[in-house]
């Protein structure tokens, strides 16, 4: 089974790409606009995506 990881540059709160985001609701952020992810989030998402590729 493949685990879906957010795009590394997706929203800080929900992982949706900036072009598709508009306004989203997600706890605990509630209604929010796209927010740039932190460098730590980007790094963690890239590592998770790499780990998922190795499992396949």
C-alpha atoms as a PDB file:
ATOM      1  CA  UNK A   1       0.000   0.000   0.000  1.00  0.00           C
ATOM      2  CA  UNK A   2       1.339   3.429  -0.965  1.00  0.00           C
ATOM      3  CA  UNK A   3       1.217   6.196   1.610  1.00  0.00           C
ATOM      4  CA  UNK A   4       0.423   9.586   0.100  1.00  0.00           C
ATOM      5  CA  UNK A   5       2.774  12.317   1.282  1.00  0.00           C
ATOM      6  CA  UNK A   6       2.158  16.015   0.693  1.00  0.00           C
ATOM      7  CA  UNK A   7       4.103  17.855  -1.960  1.00  0.00           C
ATOM      8  CA  UNK A   8       7.249  19.221  -0.259  1.00  0.00           C
ATOM      9  CA  UNK A   9       6.274  22.768  -1.211  1.00  0.00           C
ATOM     10  CA  UNK A  10       2.587  22.312  -0.347  1.00  0.00           C
ATOM     11  CA  UNK A  11       0.775  24.386   2.256  1.00  0.00           C
ATOM     12  CA  UNK A  12       2.244  24.403   5.752  1.00  0.00           C
ATOM     13  CA  UNK A  13      -1.111  23.383   7.244  1.00  0.00           C
ATOM     14  CA  UNK A  14      -2.616  20.908   4.779  1.00  0.00           C
ATOM     15  CA  UNK A  15      -0.029  20.082   2.094  1.00  0.00           C
ATOM     16  CA  UNK A  16      -2.137  21.228  -0.887  1.00  0.00           C
ATOM     17  CA  UNK A  17      -0.213  22.875  -3.748  1.00  0.00           C
ATOM     18  CA  UNK A  18      -0.392  26.664  -3.923  1.00  0.00           C
ATOM     19  CA  UNK A  19      -2.122  26.777  -7.343  1.00  0.00           C
ATOM     20  CA  UNK A  20      -4.932  24.466  -6.171  1.00  0.00           C
ATOM     21  CA  UNK A  21      -5.302  25.814  -2.652  1.00  0.00           C
ATOM     22  CA  UNK A  22      -7.497  28.936  -2.591  1.00  0.00           C
ATOM     23  CA  UNK A  23      -9.073  28.788   0.924  1.00  0.00           C
ATOM     24  CA  UNK A  24      -9.197  25.531   2.860  1.00  0.00           C
ATOM     25  CA  UNK A  25     -10.381  24.435   6.276  1.00  0.00           C
ATOM     26  CA  UNK A  26      -8.271  22.129   8.407  1.00  0.00           C
ATOM     27  CA  UNK A  27      -8.035  21.817  12.169  1.00  0.00           C
ATOM     28  CA  UNK A  28      -6.375  23.384  14.097  1.00  0.00           C
ATOM     29  CA  UNK A  29      -5.671  26.110  11.504  1.00  0.00           C
ATOM     30  CA  UNK A  30      -9.338  26.491  10.529  1.00  0.00           C
ATOM     31  CA  UNK A  31      -9.983  28.519   7.363  1.00  0.00           C
ATOM     32  CA  UNK A  32      -6.628  29.509   5.954  1.00  0.00           C
ATOM     33  CA  UNK A  33      -4.821  30.638   2.834  1.00  0.00           C
ATOM     34  CA  UNK A  34      -1.797  28.856   1.417  1.00  0.00           C
ATOM     35  CA  UNK A  35       1.145  29.315   3.756  1.00  0.00           C
ATOM     36  CA  UNK A  36       4.722  28.516   2.789  1.00  0.00           C
ATOM     37  CA  UNK A  37       5.997  25.418   4.599  1.00  0.00           C
ATOM     38  CA  UNK A  38       8.965  25.640   6.929  1.00  0.00           C
ATOM     39  CA  UNK A  39      12.333  24.318   5.809  1.00  0.00           C
ATOM     40  CA  UNK A  40      11.952  21.487   8.335  1.00  0.00           C
ATOM     41  CA  UNK A  41       8.567  20.526   6.843  1.00  0.00           C
ATOM     42  CA  UNK A  42      10.003  20.515   3.321  1.00  0.00           C
ATOM     43  CA  UNK A  43      12.892  18.322   4.424  1.00  0.00           C
ATOM     44  CA  UNK A  44      10.618  15.889   6.299  1.00  0.00           C
ATOM     45  CA  UNK A  45       8.220  15.633   3.328  1.00  0.00           C
ATOM     46  CA  UNK A  46      11.087  14.942   0.929  1.00  0.00           C
ATOM     47  CA  UNK A  47      12.442  12.217   3.204  1.00  0.00           C
ATOM     48  CA  UNK A  48       8.986  10.656   3.574  1.00  0.00           C
ATOM     49  CA  UNK A  49       8.496  10.651  -0.191  1.00  0.00           C
ATOM     50  CA  UNK A  50      11.895   9.010  -0.690  1.00  0.00           C
ATOM     51  CA  UNK A  51      11.089   6.361   1.934  1.00  0.00           C
ATOM     52  CA  UNK A  52       7.768   5.608   0.181  1.00  0.00           C
ATOM     53  CA  UNK A  53       9.595   5.077  -3.132  1.00  0.00           C
ATOM     54  CA  UNK A  54      11.938   2.554  -1.524  1.00  0.00           C
ATOM     55  CA  UNK A  55       8.981   0.530  -0.218  1.00  0.00           C
ATOM     56  CA  UNK A  56       7.587   0.028  -3.717  1.00  0.00           C
END
